[in-house]
PDB file of all heavy atoms in Angstrom:
ATOM      1  N   GLN A   1      12.205  -0.159  10.066  1.00  0.00           N
ATOM      2  CA  GLN A   1      12.627  -0.731  11.330  1.00  0.00           C
ATOM      3  C   GLN A   1      12.132   0.151  12.466  1.00  0.00           C
ATOM      4  O   GLN A   1      12.519   1.314  12.574  1.00  0.00           O
ATOM      5  CB  GLN A   1      14.143  -0.877  11.398  1.00  0.00           C
ATOM      6  CG  GLN A   1      14.631  -1.633  12.624  1.00  0.00           C
ATOM      7  CD  GLN A   1      16.082  -2.050  12.509  1.00  0.00           C
ATOM      8  OE1 GLN A   1      16.853  -1.461  11.762  1.00  0.00           O
ATOM      9  NE2 GLN A   1      16.458  -3.079  13.245  1.00  0.00           N
ATOM     10  N   ALA A   2      11.288  -0.426  13.297  1.00  0.00           N
ATOM     11  CA  ALA A   2      10.786   0.254  14.471  1.00  0.00           C
ATOM     12  C   ALA A   2      11.718  -0.013  15.645  1.00  0.00           C
ATOM     13  O   ALA A   2      12.444  -1.014  15.659  1.00  0.00           O
ATOM     14  CB  ALA A   2       9.373  -0.219  14.796  1.00  0.00           C
ATOM     15  N   PRO A   3      11.702   0.857  16.643  1.00  0.00           N
ATOM     16  CA  PRO A   3      12.581   0.651  17.795  1.00  0.00           C
ATOM     17  C   PRO A   3      12.371  -0.707  18.443  1.00  0.00           C
ATOM     18  O   PRO A   3      11.242  -1.112  18.718  1.00  0.00           O
ATOM     19  CB  PRO A   3      12.187   1.782  18.747  1.00  0.00           C
ATOM     20  CG  PRO A   3      11.640   2.845  17.854  1.00  0.00           C
ATOM     21  CD  PRO A   3      10.933   2.104  16.752  1.00  0.00           C
ATOM     22  N   GLY A   4      13.464  -1.410  18.673  1.00  0.00           N
ATOM     23  CA  GLY A   4      13.402  -2.699  19.326  1.00  0.00           C
ATOM     24  C   GLY A   4      12.916  -3.838  18.467  1.00  0.00           C
ATOM     25  O   GLY A   4      12.746  -4.950  18.978  1.00  0.00           O
ATOM     26  N   LYS A   5      12.684  -3.591  17.189  1.00  0.00           N
ATOM     27  CA  LYS A   5      12.177  -4.624  16.304  1.00  0.00           C
ATOM     28  C   LYS A   5      13.125  -4.851  15.140  1.00  0.00           C
ATOM     29  O   LYS A   5      13.974  -4.020  14.832  1.00  0.00           O
ATOM     30  CB  LYS A   5      10.782  -4.262  15.788  1.00  0.00           C
ATOM     31  CG  LYS A   5       9.728  -4.166  16.867  1.00  0.00           C
ATOM     32  CD  LYS A   5       8.356  -3.925  16.278  1.00  0.00           C
ATOM     33  CE  LYS A   5       7.291  -3.895  17.359  1.00  0.00           C
ATOM     34  NZ  LYS A   5       5.936  -3.679  16.775  1.00  0.00           N
ATOM     35  N   GLN A   6      12.961  -5.995  14.514  1.00  0.00           N
ATOM     36  CA  GLN A   6      13.762  -6.308  13.345  1.00  0.00           C
ATOM     37  C   GLN A   6      13.317  -5.470  12.158  1.00  0.00           C
ATOM     38  O   GLN A   6      12.165  -5.032  12.071  1.00  0.00           O
ATOM     39  CB  GLN A   6      13.644  -7.791  12.997  1.00  0.00           C
ATOM     40  CG  GLN A   6      14.185  -8.740  14.050  1.00  0.00           C
ATOM     41  CD  GLN A   6      14.146 -10.176  13.581  1.00  0.00           C
ATOM     42  OE1 GLN A   6      14.824 -10.546  12.617  1.00  0.00           O
ATOM     43  NE2 GLN A   6      13.352 -10.994  14.258  1.00  0.00           N
ATOM     44  N   ARG A   7      14.234  -5.263  11.259  1.00  0.00           N
ATOM     45  CA  ARG A   7      13.898  -4.579  10.027  1.00  0.00           C
ATOM     46  C   ARG A   7      12.966  -5.456   9.200  1.00  0.00           C
ATOM     47  O   ARG A   7      13.215  -6.653   9.025  1.00  0.00           O
ATOM     48  CB  ARG A   7      15.172  -4.258   9.245  1.00  0.00           C
ATOM     49  CG  ARG A   7      14.973  -3.339   8.068  1.00  0.00           C
ATOM     50  CD  ARG A   7      16.316  -2.858   7.519  1.00  0.00           C
ATOM     51  NE  ARG A   7      17.053  -2.078   8.510  1.00  0.00           N
ATOM     52  CZ  ARG A   7      18.213  -1.486   8.276  1.00  0.00           C
ATOM     53  NH1 ARG A   7      18.772  -1.584   7.071  1.00  0.00           N
ATOM     54  NH2 ARG A   7      18.820  -0.804   9.239  1.00  0.00           N
ATOM     55  N   GLU A   8      11.900  -4.865   8.702  1.00  0.00           N
ATOM     56  CA  GLU A   8      10.925  -5.625   7.944  1.00  0.00           C
ATOM     57  C   GLU A   8      10.762  -5.050   6.542  1.00  0.00           C
ATOM     58  O   GLU A   8      10.844  -3.838   6.320  1.00  0.00           O
ATOM     59  CB  GLU A   8       9.566  -5.665   8.656  1.00  0.00           C
ATOM     60  CG  GLU A   8       8.857  -4.330   8.744  1.00  0.00           C
ATOM     61  CD  GLU A   8       7.439  -4.451   9.276  1.00  0.00           C
ATOM     62  OE1 GLU A   8       6.820  -5.519   9.145  1.00  0.00           O
ATOM     63  OE2 GLU A   8       6.940  -3.448   9.835  1.00  0.00           O
ATOM     64  N   TRP A   9      10.495  -5.924   5.622  1.00  0.00           N
ATOM     65  CA  TRP A   9      10.255  -5.540   4.251  1.00  0.00           C
ATOM     66  C   TRP A   9       8.893  -4.883   4.113  1.00  0.00           C
ATOM     67  O   TRP A   9       7.908  -5.333   4.714  1.00  0.00           O
ATOM     68  CB  TRP A   9      10.344  -6.775   3.360  1.00  0.00           C
ATOM     69  CG  TRP A   9       9.880  -6.555   1.959  1.00  0.00           C
ATOM     70  CD1 TRP A   9      10.561  -5.940   0.954  1.00  0.00           C
ATOM     71  CD2 TRP A   9       8.627  -6.968   1.416  1.00  0.00           C
ATOM     72  NE1 TRP A   9       9.808  -5.939  -0.196  1.00  0.00           N
ATOM     73  CE2 TRP A   9       8.618  -6.565   0.065  1.00  0.00           C
ATOM     74  CE3 TRP A   9       7.513  -7.640   1.936  1.00  0.00           C
ATOM     75  CZ2 TRP A   9       7.535  -6.814  -0.776  1.00  0.00           C
ATOM     76  CZ3 TRP A   9       6.441  -7.889   1.103  1.00  0.00           C
ATOM     77  CH2 TRP A   9       6.455  -7.477  -0.236  1.00  0.00           C
ATOM     78  N   VAL A  10       8.829  -3.835   3.325  1.00  0.00           N
ATOM     79  CA  VAL A  10       7.599  -3.080   3.139  1.00  0.00           C
ATOM     80  C   VAL A  10       7.071  -3.209   1.718  1.00  0.00           C
ATOM     81  O   VAL A  10       5.891  -3.484   1.505  1.00  0.00           O
ATOM     82  CB  VAL A  10       7.805  -1.596   3.486  1.00  0.00           C
ATOM     83  CG1 VAL A  10       6.561  -0.773   3.144  1.00  0.00           C
ATOM     84  CG2 VAL A  10       8.150  -1.446   4.963  1.00  0.00           C
ATOM     85  N   ALA A  11       7.941  -2.981   0.741  1.00  0.00           N
ATOM     86  CA  ALA A  11       7.484  -2.945  -0.639  1.00  0.00           C
ATOM     87  C   ALA A  11       8.646  -3.171  -1.582  1.00  0.00           C
ATOM     88  O   ALA A  11       9.803  -2.935  -1.237  1.00  0.00           O
ATOM     89  CB  ALA A  11       6.806  -1.607  -0.963  1.00  0.00           C
ATOM     90  N   THR A  12       8.315  -3.603  -2.774  1.00  0.00           N
ATOM     91  CA  THR A  12       9.291  -3.825  -3.831  1.00  0.00           C
ATOM     92  C   THR A  12       8.774  -3.225  -5.128  1.00  0.00           C
ATOM     93  O   THR A  12       7.580  -3.328  -5.440  1.00  0.00           O
ATOM     94  CB  THR A  12       9.544  -5.328  -4.048  1.00  0.00           C
ATOM     95  OG1 THR A  12      10.143  -5.887  -2.885  1.00  0.00           O
ATOM     96  CG2 THR A  12      10.449  -5.565  -5.256  1.00  0.00           C
ATOM     97  N   ILE A  13       9.664  -2.607  -5.866  1.00  0.00           N
ATOM     98  CA  ILE A  13       9.366  -2.243  -7.238  1.00  0.00           C
ATOM     99  C   ILE A  13      10.515  -2.739  -8.098  1.00  0.00           C
ATOM    100  O   ILE A  13      11.678  -2.425  -7.856  1.00  0.00           O
ATOM    101  CB  ILE A  13       9.117  -0.735  -7.422  1.00  0.00           C
ATOM    102  CG1 ILE A  13       8.739  -0.446  -8.877  1.00  0.00           C
ATOM    103  CG2 ILE A  13      10.303   0.102  -6.963  1.00  0.00           C
ATOM    104  CD1 ILE A  13       8.104   0.925  -9.075  1.00  0.00           C
ATOM    105  N   ARG A  14      10.189  -3.532  -9.090  1.00  0.00           N
ATOM    106  CA  ARG A  14      11.185  -4.105  -9.963  1.00  0.00           C
ATOM    107  C   ARG A  14      11.472  -3.194 -11.141  1.00  0.00           C
ATOM    108  O   ARG A  14      10.775  -2.200 -11.363  1.00  0.00           O
ATOM    109  CB  ARG A  14      10.740  -5.502 -10.410  1.00  0.00           C
ATOM    110  CG  ARG A  14      10.624  -6.471  -9.244  1.00  0.00           C
ATOM    111  CD  ARG A  14      10.084  -7.825  -9.652  1.00  0.00           C
ATOM    112  NE  ARG A  14      10.056  -8.734  -8.519  1.00  0.00           N
ATOM    113  CZ  ARG A  14       9.084  -8.773  -7.620  1.00  0.00           C
ATOM    114  NH1 ARG A  14       8.042  -7.969  -7.721  1.00  0.00           N
ATOM    115  NH2 ARG A  14       9.154  -9.631  -6.618  1.00  0.00           N
ATOM    116  N   SER A  15      12.496  -3.548 -11.857  1.00  0.00           N
ATOM    117  CA  SER A  15      12.915  -2.697 -12.965  1.00  0.00           C
ATOM    118  C   SER A  15      11.811  -2.517 -13.995  1.00  0.00           C
ATOM    119  O   SER A  15      11.707  -1.461 -14.617  1.00  0.00           O
ATOM    120  CB  SER A  15      14.170  -3.272 -13.620  1.00  0.00           C
ATOM    121  OG  SER A  15      13.926  -4.577 -14.120  1.00  0.00           O
ATOM    122  N   GLY A  16      10.986  -3.538 -14.157  1.00  0.00           N
ATOM    123  CA  GLY A  16       9.885  -3.441 -15.099  1.00  0.00           C
ATOM    124  C   GLY A  16       8.653  -2.749 -14.560  1.00  0.00           C
ATOM    125  O   GLY A  16       7.677  -2.582 -15.294  1.00  0.00           O
ATOM    126  N   GLY A  17       8.680  -2.350 -13.285  1.00  0.00           N
ATOM    127  CA  GLY A  17       7.581  -1.613 -12.701  1.00  0.00           C
ATOM    128  C   GLY A  17       6.615  -2.428 -11.858  1.00  0.00           C
ATOM    129  O   GLY A  17       5.721  -1.848 -11.236  1.00  0.00           O
ATOM    130  N   THR A  18       6.774  -3.738 -11.822  1.00  0.00           N
ATOM    131  CA  THR A  18       5.888  -4.542 -10.998  1.00  0.00           C
ATOM    132  C   THR A  18       6.178  -4.298  -9.525  1.00  0.00           C
ATOM    133  O   THR A  18       7.311  -4.032  -9.134  1.00  0.00           O
ATOM    134  CB  THR A  18       6.026  -6.030 -11.323  1.00  0.00           C
ATOM    135  OG1 THR A  18       7.383  -6.436 -11.126  1.00  0.00           O
ATOM    136  CG2 THR A  18       5.615  -6.303 -12.758  1.00  0.00           C
ATOM    137  N   THR A  19       5.157  -4.390  -8.709  1.00  0.00           N
ATOM    138  CA  THR A  19       5.271  -4.068  -7.298  1.00  0.00           C
ATOM    139  C   THR A  19       4.713  -5.174  -6.429  1.00  0.00           C
ATOM    140  O   THR A  19       3.864  -5.957  -6.851  1.00  0.00           O
ATOM    141  CB  THR A  19       4.535  -2.760  -6.970  1.00  0.00           C
ATOM    142  OG1 THR A  19       3.145  -2.893  -7.316  1.00  0.00           O
ATOM    143  CG2 THR A  19       5.133  -1.594  -7.735  1.00  0.00           C
ATOM    144  N   ASN A  20       5.188  -5.213  -5.198  1.00  0.00           N
ATOM    145  CA  ASN A  20       4.674  -6.090  -4.158  1.00  0.00           C
ATOM    146  C   ASN A  20       4.698  -5.334  -2.848  1.00  0.00           C
ATOM    147  O   ASN A  20       5.545  -4.462  -2.637  1.00  0.00           O
ATOM    148  CB  ASN A  20       5.507  -7.363  -4.043  1.00  0.00           C
ATOM    149  CG  ASN A  20       5.308  -8.309  -5.200  1.00  0.00           C
ATOM    150  OD1 ASN A  20       4.291  -8.987  -5.289  1.00  0.00           O
ATOM    151  ND2 ASN A  20       6.274  -8.357  -6.104  1.00  0.00           N
ATOM    152  N   TYR A  21       3.783  -5.692  -1.957  1.00  0.00           N
ATOM    153  CA  TYR A  21       3.644  -4.989  -0.695  1.00  0.00           C
ATOM    154  C   TYR A  21       3.459  -5.961   0.453  1.00  0.00           C
ATOM    155  O   TYR A  21       2.857  -7.026   0.298  1.00  0.00           O
ATOM    156  CB  TYR A  21       2.441  -4.045  -0.728  1.00  0.00           C
ATOM    157  CG  TYR A  21       2.530  -2.999  -1.794  1.00  0.00           C
ATOM    158  CD1 TYR A  21       1.972  -3.214  -3.047  1.00  0.00           C
ATOM    159  CD2 TYR A  21       3.177  -1.798  -1.558  1.00  0.00           C
ATOM    160  CE1 TYR A  21       2.060  -2.253  -4.041  1.00  0.00           C
ATOM    161  CE2 TYR A  21       3.271  -0.833  -2.540  1.00  0.00           C
ATOM    162  CZ  TYR A  21       2.713  -1.062  -3.778  1.00  0.00           C
ATOM    163  OH  TYR A  21       2.807  -0.104  -4.764  1.00  0.00           O
ATOM    164  N   ALA A  22       3.960  -5.562   1.607  1.00  0.00           N
ATOM    165  CA  ALA A  22       3.684  -6.301   2.816  1.00  0.00           C
ATOM    166  C   ALA A  22       2.212  -6.164   3.179  1.00  0.00           C
ATOM    167  O   ALA A  22       1.574  -5.140   2.913  1.00  0.00           O
ATOM    168  CB  ALA A  22       4.554  -5.793   3.958  1.00  0.00           C
ATOM    169  N   GLY A  23       1.689  -7.205   3.802  1.00  0.00           N
ATOM    170  CA  GLY A  23       0.286  -7.171   4.175  1.00  0.00           C
ATOM    171  C   GLY A  23      -0.073  -6.011   5.082  1.00  0.00           C
ATOM    172  O   GLY A  23      -1.192  -5.479   5.016  1.00  0.00           O
ATOM    173  N   SER A  24       0.859  -5.582   5.906  1.00  0.00           N
ATOM    174  CA  SER A  24       0.591  -4.520   6.857  1.00  0.00           C
ATOM    175  C   SER A  24       0.366  -3.164   6.198  1.00  0.00           C
ATOM    176  O   SER A  24      -0.198  -2.264   6.828  1.00  0.00           O
ATOM    177  CB  SER A  24       1.735  -4.416   7.871  1.00  0.00           C
ATOM    178  OG  SER A  24       2.969  -4.202   7.210  1.00  0.00           O
ATOM    179  N   VAL A  25       0.820  -3.000   4.960  1.00  0.00           N
ATOM    180  CA  VAL A  25       0.671  -1.721   4.270  1.00  0.00           C
ATOM    181  C   VAL A  25      -0.192  -1.839   3.032  1.00  0.00           C
ATOM    182  O   VAL A  25      -0.375  -0.847   2.305  1.00  0.00           O
ATOM    183  CB  VAL A  25       2.042  -1.125   3.900  1.00  0.00           C
ATOM    184  CG1 VAL A  25       2.928  -1.015   5.129  1.00  0.00           C
ATOM    185  CG2 VAL A  25       2.730  -1.946   2.814  1.00  0.00           C
ATOM    186  N   TRP A  26      -0.736  -2.998   2.799  1.00  0.00           N
ATOM    187  CA  TRP A  26      -1.537  -3.239   1.601  1.00  0.00           C
ATOM    188  C   TRP A  26      -2.694  -2.260   1.510  1.00  0.00           C
ATOM    189  O   TRP A  26      -3.447  -2.066   2.461  1.00  0.00           O
ATOM    190  CB  TRP A  26      -2.067  -4.671   1.619  1.00  0.00           C
ATOM    191  CG  TRP A  26      -2.795  -5.059   0.372  1.00  0.00           C
ATOM    192  CD1 TRP A  26      -4.133  -4.940   0.133  1.00  0.00           C
ATOM    193  CD2 TRP A  26      -2.223  -5.632  -0.798  1.00  0.00           C
ATOM    194  NE1 TRP A  26      -4.430  -5.396  -1.121  1.00  0.00           N
ATOM    195  CE2 TRP A  26      -3.272  -5.836  -1.719  1.00  0.00           C
ATOM    196  CE3 TRP A  26      -0.927  -5.999  -1.158  1.00  0.00           C
ATOM    197  CZ2 TRP A  26      -3.061  -6.377  -2.982  1.00  0.00           C
ATOM    198  CZ3 TRP A  26      -0.711  -6.543  -2.415  1.00  0.00           C
ATOM    199  CH2 TRP A  26      -1.769  -6.728  -3.306  1.00  0.00           C
ATOM    200  N   GLY A  27      -2.833  -1.656   0.354  1.00  0.00           N
ATOM    201  CA  GLY A  27      -3.914  -0.714   0.128  1.00  0.00           C
ATOM    202  C   GLY A  27      -3.650   0.685   0.622  1.00  0.00           C
ATOM    203  O   GLY A  27      -4.438   1.594   0.327  1.00  0.00           O
ATOM    204  N   ARG A  28      -2.579   0.891   1.364  1.00  0.00           N
ATOM    205  CA  ARG A  28      -2.259   2.212   1.896  1.00  0.00           C
ATOM    206  C   ARG A  28      -0.994   2.809   1.292  1.00  0.00           C
ATOM    207  O   ARG A  28      -0.902   4.024   1.138  1.00  0.00           O
ATOM    208  CB  ARG A  28      -2.101   2.149   3.417  1.00  0.00           C
ATOM    209  CG  ARG A  28      -3.356   1.691   4.144  1.00  0.00           C
ATOM    210  CD  ARG A  28      -3.201   1.822   5.654  1.00  0.00           C
ATOM    211  NE  ARG A  28      -2.131   0.963   6.171  1.00  0.00           N
ATOM    212  CZ  ARG A  28      -1.053   1.401   6.813  1.00  0.00           C
ATOM    213  NH1 ARG A  28      -0.888   2.701   7.033  1.00  0.00           N
ATOM    214  NH2 ARG A  28      -0.142   0.546   7.253  1.00  0.00           N
ATOM    215  N   PHE A  29      -0.034   1.970   0.983  1.00  0.00           N
ATOM    216  CA  PHE A  29       1.243   2.437   0.455  1.00  0.00           C
ATOM    217  C   PHE A  29       1.351   2.113  -1.022  1.00  0.00           C
ATOM    218  O   PHE A  29       0.838   1.087  -1.488  1.00  0.00           O
ATOM    219  CB  PHE A  29       2.413   1.769   1.177  1.00  0.00           C
ATOM    220  CG  PHE A  29       2.616   2.187   2.607  1.00  0.00           C
ATOM    221  CD1 PHE A  29       1.671   2.939   3.289  1.00  0.00           C
ATOM    222  CD2 PHE A  29       3.772   1.822   3.271  1.00  0.00           C
ATOM    223  CE1 PHE A  29       1.861   3.317   4.606  1.00  0.00           C
ATOM    224  CE2 PHE A  29       3.984   2.195   4.586  1.00  0.00           C
ATOM    225  CZ  PHE A  29       3.032   2.940   5.256  1.00  0.00           C
ATOM    226  N   THR A  30       2.046   2.969  -1.745  1.00  0.00           N
ATOM    227  CA  THR A  30       2.301   2.762  -3.159  1.00  0.00           C
ATOM    228  C   THR A  30       3.756   3.088  -3.451  1.00  0.00           C
ATOM    229  O   THR A  30       4.230   4.181  -3.134  1.00  0.00           O
ATOM    230  CB  THR A  30       1.398   3.638  -4.035  1.00  0.00           C
ATOM    231  OG1 THR A  30       0.023   3.369  -3.738  1.00  0.00           O
ATOM    232  CG2 THR A  30       1.658   3.356  -5.510  1.00  0.00           C
ATOM    233  N   VAL A  31       4.448   2.152  -4.055  1.00  0.00           N
ATOM    234  CA  VAL A  31       5.831   2.381  -4.448  1.00  0.00           C
ATOM    235  C   VAL A  31       5.863   2.664  -5.944  1.00  0.00           C
ATOM    236  O   VAL A  31       5.134   2.036  -6.726  1.00  0.00           O
ATOM    237  CB  VAL A  31       6.726   1.181  -4.066  1.00  0.00           C
ATOM    238  CG1 VAL A  31       6.283  -0.094  -4.776  1.00  0.00           C
ATOM    239  CG2 VAL A  31       8.192   1.488  -4.338  1.00  0.00           C
ATOM    240  N   SER A  32       6.673   3.611  -6.326  1.00  0.00           N
ATOM    241  CA  SER A  32       6.803   3.982  -7.725  1.00  0.00           C
ATOM    242  C   SER A  32       8.234   4.418  -7.984  1.00  0.00           C
ATOM    243  O   SER A  32       9.036   4.544  -7.062  1.00  0.00           O
ATOM    244  CB  SER A  32       5.818   5.093  -8.103  1.00  0.00           C
ATOM    245  OG  SER A  32       6.062   6.266  -7.347  1.00  0.00           O
ATOM    246  N   ARG A  33       8.540   4.646  -9.252  1.00  0.00           N
ATOM    247  CA  ARG A  33       9.884   5.085  -9.581  1.00  0.00           C
ATOM    248  C   ARG A  33       9.857   6.029 -10.766  1.00  0.00           C
ATOM    249  O   ARG A  33       8.970   5.964 -11.628  1.00  0.00           O
ATOM    250  CB  ARG A  33      10.800   3.883  -9.863  1.00  0.00           C
ATOM    251  CG  ARG A  33      10.457   3.103 -11.126  1.00  0.00           C
ATOM    252  CD  ARG A  33      11.151   1.750 -11.145  1.00  0.00           C
ATOM    253  NE  ARG A  33      12.598   1.875 -11.080  1.00  0.00           N
ATOM    254  CZ  ARG A  33      13.418   0.901 -10.670  1.00  0.00           C
ATOM    255  NH1 ARG A  33      12.913  -0.267 -10.274  1.00  0.00           N
ATOM    256  NH2 ARG A  33      14.723   1.097 -10.655  1.00  0.00           N
ATOM    257  N   ASP A  34      10.831   6.889 -10.796  1.00  0.00           N
ATOM    258  CA  ASP A  34      11.053   7.788 -11.915  1.00  0.00           C
ATOM    259  C   ASP A  34      12.511   7.616 -12.295  1.00  0.00           C
ATOM    260  O   ASP A  34      13.402   8.219 -11.699  1.00  0.00           O
ATOM    261  CB  ASP A  34      10.742   9.230 -11.538  1.00  0.00           C
ATOM    262  CG  ASP A  34      10.821  10.174 -12.725  1.00  0.00           C
ATOM    263  OD1 ASP A  34      11.477   9.844 -13.729  1.00  0.00           O
ATOM    264  OD2 ASP A  34      10.216  11.266 -12.648  1.00  0.00           O
ATOM    265  N   ASN A  35      12.740   6.784 -13.270  1.00  0.00           N
ATOM    266  CA  ASN A  35      14.114   6.469 -13.637  1.00  0.00           C
ATOM    267  C   ASN A  35      14.860   7.685 -14.179  1.00  0.00           C
ATOM    268  O   ASN A  35      16.073   7.794 -14.008  1.00  0.00           O
ATOM    269  CB  ASN A  35      14.135   5.341 -14.667  1.00  0.00           C
ATOM    270  CG  ASN A  35      13.770   3.998 -14.072  1.00  0.00           C
ATOM    271  OD1 ASN A  35      13.957   3.765 -12.877  1.00  0.00           O
ATOM    272  ND2 ASN A  35      13.258   3.100 -14.898  1.00  0.00           N
ATOM    273  N   ALA A  36      14.145   8.591 -14.819  1.00  0.00           N
ATOM    274  CA  ALA A  36      14.791   9.792 -15.327  1.00  0.00           C
ATOM    275  C   ALA A  36      15.367  10.637 -14.203  1.00  0.00           C
ATOM    276  O   ALA A  36      16.348  11.357 -14.400  1.00  0.00           O
ATOM    277  CB  ALA A  36      13.816  10.616 -16.160  1.00  0.00           C
ATOM    278  N   LYS A  37      14.750  10.568 -13.029  1.00  0.00           N
ATOM    279  CA  LYS A  37      15.223  11.309 -11.872  1.00  0.00           C
ATOM    280  C   LYS A  37      16.037  10.444 -10.921  1.00  0.00           C
ATOM    281  O   LYS A  37      16.442  10.920  -9.858  1.00  0.00           O
ATOM    282  CB  LYS A  37      14.048  11.922 -11.119  1.00  0.00           C
ATOM    283  CG  LYS A  37      13.273  12.958 -11.911  1.00  0.00           C
ATOM    284  CD  LYS A  37      12.138  13.541 -11.092  1.00  0.00           C
ATOM    285  CE  LYS A  37      11.392  14.603 -11.870  1.00  0.00           C
ATOM    286  NZ  LYS A  37      10.275  15.183 -11.086  1.00  0.00           N
ATOM    287  N   ASN A  38      16.248   9.199 -11.277  1.00  0.00           N
ATOM    288  CA  ASN A  38      16.977   8.269 -10.422  1.00  0.00           C
ATOM    289  C   ASN A  38      16.384   8.217  -9.018  1.00  0.00           C
ATOM    290  O   ASN A  38      17.108   8.210  -8.015  1.00  0.00           O
ATOM    291  CB  ASN A  38      18.461   8.646 -10.347  1.00  0.00           C
ATOM    292  CG  ASN A  38      19.173   8.467 -11.665  1.00  0.00           C
ATOM    293  OD1 ASN A  38      18.995   7.450 -12.339  1.00  0.00           O
ATOM    294  ND2 ASN A  38      19.989   9.445 -12.041  1.00  0.00           N
ATOM    295  N   THR A  39      15.072   8.171  -8.950  1.00  0.00           N
ATOM    296  CA  THR A  39      14.389   8.266  -7.677  1.00  0.00           C
ATOM    297  C   THR A  39      13.287   7.222  -7.572  1.00  0.00           C
ATOM    298  O   THR A  39      12.550   6.987  -8.529  1.00  0.00           O
ATOM    299  CB  THR A  39      13.793   9.665  -7.472  1.00  0.00           C
ATOM    300  OG1 THR A  39      14.836  10.639  -7.554  1.00  0.00           O
ATOM    301  CG2 THR A  39      13.112   9.778  -6.116  1.00  0.00           C
ATOM    302  N   VAL A  40      13.192   6.629  -6.405  1.00  0.00           N
ATOM    303  CA  VAL A  40      12.112   5.723  -6.043  1.00  0.00           C
ATOM    304  C   VAL A  40      11.294   6.388  -4.948  1.00  0.00           C
ATOM    305  O   VAL A  40      11.846   7.048  -4.065  1.00  0.00           O
ATOM    306  CB  VAL A  40      12.662   4.365  -5.581  1.00  0.00           C
ATOM    307  CG1 VAL A  40      11.531   3.451  -5.123  1.00  0.00           C
ATOM    308  CG2 VAL A  40      13.447   3.701  -6.703  1.00  0.00           C
ATOM    309  N   TYR A  41       9.993   6.211  -5.007  1.00  0.00           N
ATOM    310  CA  TYR A  41       9.093   6.857  -4.060  1.00  0.00           C
ATOM    311  C   TYR A  41       8.295   5.826  -3.281  1.00  0.00           C
ATOM    312  O   TYR A  41       8.047   4.720  -3.749  1.00  0.00           O
ATOM    313  CB  TYR A  41       8.110   7.776  -4.783  1.00  0.00           C
ATOM    314  CG  TYR A  41       8.759   8.837  -5.618  1.00  0.00           C
ATOM    315  CD1 TYR A  41       8.950   8.644  -6.985  1.00  0.00           C
ATOM    316  CD2 TYR A  41       9.186  10.030  -5.056  1.00  0.00           C
ATOM    317  CE1 TYR A  41       9.548   9.614  -7.762  1.00  0.00           C
ATOM    318  CE2 TYR A  41       9.787  11.004  -5.820  1.00  0.00           C
ATOM    319  CZ  TYR A  41       9.962  10.799  -7.176  1.00  0.00           C
ATOM    320  OH  TYR A  41      10.558  11.766  -7.946  1.00  0.00           O
ATOM    321  N   LEU A  42       7.882   6.221  -2.103  1.00  0.00           N
ATOM    322  CA  LEU A  42       6.934   5.449  -1.328  1.00  0.00           C
ATOM    323  C   LEU A  42       5.856   6.402  -0.840  1.00  0.00           C
ATOM    324  O   LEU A  42       6.096   7.208   0.064  1.00  0.00           O
ATOM    325  CB  LEU A  42       7.602   4.750  -0.146  1.00  0.00           C
ATOM    326  CG  LEU A  42       6.689   3.823   0.660  1.00  0.00           C
ATOM    327  CD1 LEU A  42       6.264   2.621  -0.178  1.00  0.00           C
ATOM    328  CD2 LEU A  42       7.372   3.359   1.939  1.00  0.00           C
TER     329      LEU A  42
END
């Protein structure tokens, strides 16, 4: 969420590891997870 703007979706990572990205970050951002550490990364 940028100042004065609505909150926008950026990325999704599902329990099985599949991902989706907003067009604005495509090719630049990567979402991942480490379930052993209970952590999701961007």
